[in-house]
Amino acid sequence: MPVAIRPARSTDMDAVDGCTGIMDLGRLAPLLLNQSTSHPEADFDGSGGAVGLGDLAIFAHDLLSGATGTYCP
């Protein structure tokens, strides 16, 4: 029996190559600067849809670590 179901979110926001890169930062930056509350795809820290510094920290970690992955079919 699951305790909770959490949505999975990828920092590869452009969904092009499975990598977090500069183009993904281009998609995150305006949401961060506008303090968006209606873009759950950029809410990496699970704070209820708000895009903030916690999300930027997770994104930066993935960007600097060269995080890669593959998408599920």
N, C-alpha and C. Protein backbone atom coordinates (compact mmCIF):
# COMPACT_ATOMS: atom_id res chain seq x y z
N MET A 1 0.84 -1.18 0.00
CA MET A 1 0.00 0.00 0.00
C MET A 1 0.89 1.24 0.00
N PRO A 2 0.75 2.12 -1.00
CA PRO A 2 1.59 3.31 -1.05
C PRO A 2 1.18 4.32 0.02
N VAL A 3 2.16 5.04 0.53
CA VAL A 3 1.90 6.09 1.50
C VAL A 3 1.45 7.36 0.77
N ALA A 4 2.09 7.64 -0.37
CA ALA A 4 1.75 8.83 -1.15
C ALA A 4 2.19 8.62 -2.59
N ILE A 5 1.57 9.37 -3.47
CA ILE A 5 1.96 9.37 -4.87
C ILE A 5 2.47 10.76 -5.20
N ARG A 6 3.71 10.81 -5.70
CA ARG A 6 4.34 12.09 -6.02
C ARG A 6 4.60 12.16 -7.52
N PRO A 7 4.29 13.29 -8.15
CA PRO A 7 4.60 13.40 -9.58
C PRO A 7 6.10 13.50 -9.80
N ALA A 8 6.57 12.87 -10.85
CA ALA A 8 7.99 12.96 -11.20
C ALA A 8 8.19 14.15 -12.11
N ARG A 9 9.23 14.90 -11.87
CA ARG A 9 9.53 16.06 -12.69
C ARG A 9 10.99 15.99 -13.12
N SER A 10 11.24 16.35 -14.36
CA SER A 10 12.59 16.35 -14.89
C SER A 10 13.05 17.79 -15.08
N THR A 11 14.32 18.04 -14.78
CA THR A 11 14.87 19.37 -15.03
C THR A 11 15.20 19.56 -16.50
N ASP A 12 15.02 18.53 -17.31
CA ASP A 12 15.15 18.66 -18.77
C ASP A 12 13.83 19.22 -19.28
N MET A 13 13.63 20.50 -19.13
CA MET A 13 12.35 21.13 -19.41
C MET A 13 11.98 21.18 -20.88
N ASP A 14 12.97 21.14 -21.78
CA ASP A 14 12.63 21.16 -23.20
C ASP A 14 12.40 19.76 -23.75
N ALA A 15 12.66 18.75 -22.96
CA ALA A 15 12.41 17.34 -23.32
C ALA A 15 13.00 16.96 -24.66
N VAL A 16 14.21 17.45 -24.94
CA VAL A 16 14.83 17.18 -26.23
C VAL A 16 15.83 16.04 -26.16
N ASP A 17 16.70 16.05 -25.16
CA ASP A 17 17.82 15.12 -25.18
C ASP A 17 18.05 14.35 -23.89
N GLY A 18 17.20 14.51 -22.91
CA GLY A 18 17.39 13.81 -21.65
C GLY A 18 18.45 14.41 -20.77
N CYS A 19 18.96 15.59 -21.14
CA CYS A 19 20.00 16.27 -20.38
C CYS A 19 19.49 17.63 -19.91
N THR A 20 20.00 18.07 -18.79
CA THR A 20 19.69 19.41 -18.29
C THR A 20 20.75 20.35 -18.83
N GLY A 21 20.33 21.35 -19.59
CA GLY A 21 21.29 22.25 -20.23
C GLY A 21 20.83 23.69 -20.25
N ILE A 22 21.53 24.50 -21.02
CA ILE A 22 21.28 25.93 -21.06
C ILE A 22 19.91 26.27 -21.64
N MET A 23 19.42 25.46 -22.58
CA MET A 23 18.09 25.71 -23.14
C MET A 23 17.01 25.49 -22.08
N ASP A 24 17.24 24.56 -21.19
CA ASP A 24 16.30 24.32 -20.09
C ASP A 24 16.31 25.50 -19.12
N LEU A 25 17.49 26.06 -18.90
CA LEU A 25 17.59 27.25 -18.04
C LEU A 25 16.81 28.40 -18.67
N GLY A 26 16.84 28.50 -19.99
CA GLY A 26 16.07 29.53 -20.68
C GLY A 26 14.57 29.39 -20.45
N ARG A 27 14.10 28.19 -20.23
CA ARG A 27 12.68 27.97 -19.93
C ARG A 27 12.36 28.23 -18.46
N LEU A 28 13.32 27.94 -17.58
CA LEU A 28 13.10 28.11 -16.15
C LEU A 28 13.22 29.58 -15.72
N ALA A 29 14.16 30.31 -16.29
CA ALA A 29 14.46 31.67 -15.84
C ALA A 29 13.24 32.60 -15.80
N PRO A 30 12.43 32.70 -16.86
CA PRO A 30 11.28 33.61 -16.78
C PRO A 30 10.29 33.22 -15.70
N LEU A 31 10.11 31.91 -15.49
CA LEU A 31 9.19 31.46 -14.45
C LEU A 31 9.72 31.82 -13.07
N LEU A 32 11.02 31.71 -12.89
CA LEU A 32 11.65 32.06 -11.62
C LEU A 32 11.58 33.57 -11.38
N LEU A 33 11.90 34.35 -12.40
CA LEU A 33 11.91 35.80 -12.26
C LEU A 33 10.52 36.37 -12.02
N ASN A 34 9.49 35.74 -12.58
CA ASN A 34 8.11 36.20 -12.39
C ASN A 34 7.46 35.59 -11.16
N GLN A 35 8.20 34.77 -10.42
CA GLN A 35 7.69 34.08 -9.23
C GLN A 35 6.38 33.37 -9.55
N SER A 36 6.41 32.62 -10.64
CA SER A 36 5.23 31.92 -11.13
C SER A 36 4.66 30.96 -10.09
N THR A 37 3.35 30.87 -10.07
CA THR A 37 2.68 29.91 -9.20
C THR A 37 1.81 28.95 -10.00
N SER A 38 1.84 29.06 -11.32
CA SER A 38 0.95 28.25 -12.15
C SER A 38 1.70 27.34 -13.13
N HIS A 39 2.93 27.00 -12.81
CA HIS A 39 3.73 26.13 -13.68
C HIS A 39 4.31 24.97 -12.87
N PRO A 40 3.50 23.96 -12.60
CA PRO A 40 3.98 22.83 -11.78
C PRO A 40 5.12 22.06 -12.43
N GLU A 41 5.30 22.17 -13.75
CA GLU A 41 6.41 21.47 -14.41
C GLU A 41 7.77 22.01 -13.98
N ALA A 42 7.80 23.21 -13.40
CA ALA A 42 9.05 23.80 -12.92
C ALA A 42 9.15 23.78 -11.40
N ASP A 43 8.19 23.16 -10.74
CA ASP A 43 8.19 23.06 -9.27
C ASP A 43 8.92 21.79 -8.87
N PHE A 44 10.24 21.81 -8.94
CA PHE A 44 11.05 20.63 -8.68
C PHE A 44 11.08 20.24 -7.21
N ASP A 45 10.87 21.21 -6.32
CA ASP A 45 10.94 20.91 -4.89
C ASP A 45 9.58 20.57 -4.27
N GLY A 46 8.53 20.55 -5.10
CA GLY A 46 7.21 20.15 -4.61
C GLY A 46 6.56 21.12 -3.66
N SER A 47 6.74 22.41 -3.92
CA SER A 47 6.20 23.43 -3.02
C SER A 47 4.82 23.91 -3.43
N GLY A 48 4.07 23.11 -4.15
CA GLY A 48 2.70 23.46 -4.48
C GLY A 48 2.55 24.26 -5.77
N GLY A 49 3.48 24.16 -6.68
CA GLY A 49 3.38 24.86 -7.96
C GLY A 49 4.17 26.14 -8.04
N ALA A 50 4.61 26.67 -6.90
CA ALA A 50 5.38 27.91 -6.90
C ALA A 50 6.82 27.63 -7.34
N VAL A 51 7.34 28.51 -8.18
CA VAL A 51 8.71 28.39 -8.68
C VAL A 51 9.58 29.36 -7.89
N GLY A 52 10.60 28.83 -7.20
CA GLY A 52 11.42 29.68 -6.35
C GLY A 52 12.86 29.20 -6.27
N LEU A 53 13.56 29.67 -5.26
CA LEU A 53 14.98 29.37 -5.11
C LEU A 53 15.25 27.88 -4.87
N GLY A 54 14.34 27.20 -4.21
CA GLY A 54 14.50 25.76 -4.01
C GLY A 54 14.53 25.02 -5.34
N ASP A 55 13.69 25.44 -6.26
CA ASP A 55 13.66 24.85 -7.59
C ASP A 55 14.93 25.16 -8.36
N LEU A 56 15.42 26.39 -8.22
CA LEU A 56 16.66 26.77 -8.87
C LEU A 56 17.83 25.95 -8.33
N ALA A 57 17.84 25.68 -7.03
CA ALA A 57 18.92 24.89 -6.43
C ALA A 57 18.93 23.47 -7.00
N ILE A 58 17.76 22.86 -7.15
CA ILE A 58 17.67 21.52 -7.72
C ILE A 58 18.10 21.55 -9.18
N PHE A 59 17.64 22.55 -9.92
CA PHE A 59 18.01 22.68 -11.33
C PHE A 59 19.52 22.86 -11.46
N ALA A 60 20.10 23.75 -10.65
CA ALA A 60 21.54 24.01 -10.71
C ALA A 60 22.34 22.75 -10.41
N HIS A 61 21.91 21.96 -9.44
CA HIS A 61 22.59 20.72 -9.11
C HIS A 61 22.63 19.80 -10.33
N ASP A 62 21.47 19.63 -10.97
CA ASP A 62 21.40 18.76 -12.14
C ASP A 62 22.23 19.31 -13.29
N LEU A 63 22.18 20.61 -13.49
CA LEU A 63 22.94 21.24 -14.57
C LEU A 63 24.44 21.06 -14.36
N LEU A 64 24.90 21.32 -13.16
CA LEU A 64 26.34 21.25 -12.88
C LEU A 64 26.86 19.82 -12.77
N SER A 65 25.97 18.88 -12.43
CA SER A 65 26.43 17.50 -12.32
C SER A 65 26.36 16.75 -13.65
N GLY A 66 25.78 17.40 -14.66
CA GLY A 66 25.68 16.74 -15.97
C GLY A 66 24.65 15.62 -15.96
N ALA A 67 23.56 15.80 -15.22
CA ALA A 67 22.53 14.78 -15.10
C ALA A 67 21.96 14.42 -16.47
N THR A 68 21.86 13.13 -16.74
CA THR A 68 21.28 12.65 -17.98
C THR A 68 20.28 11.53 -17.67
N GLY A 69 19.46 11.25 -18.63
CA GLY A 69 18.49 10.18 -18.44
C GLY A 69 17.80 9.86 -19.74
N THR A 70 16.93 8.89 -19.69
CA THR A 70 16.13 8.55 -20.85
C THR A 70 14.66 8.63 -20.46
N TYR A 71 13.83 8.91 -21.43
CA TYR A 71 12.40 9.03 -21.17
C TYR A 71 11.73 7.67 -21.28
N CYS A 72 10.72 7.48 -20.46
CA CYS A 72 9.92 6.25 -20.54
C CYS A 72 9.02 6.33 -21.76
N PRO A 73 8.83 5.23 -22.45
CA PRO A 73 7.94 5.27 -23.62
C PRO A 73 6.49 5.43 -23.22
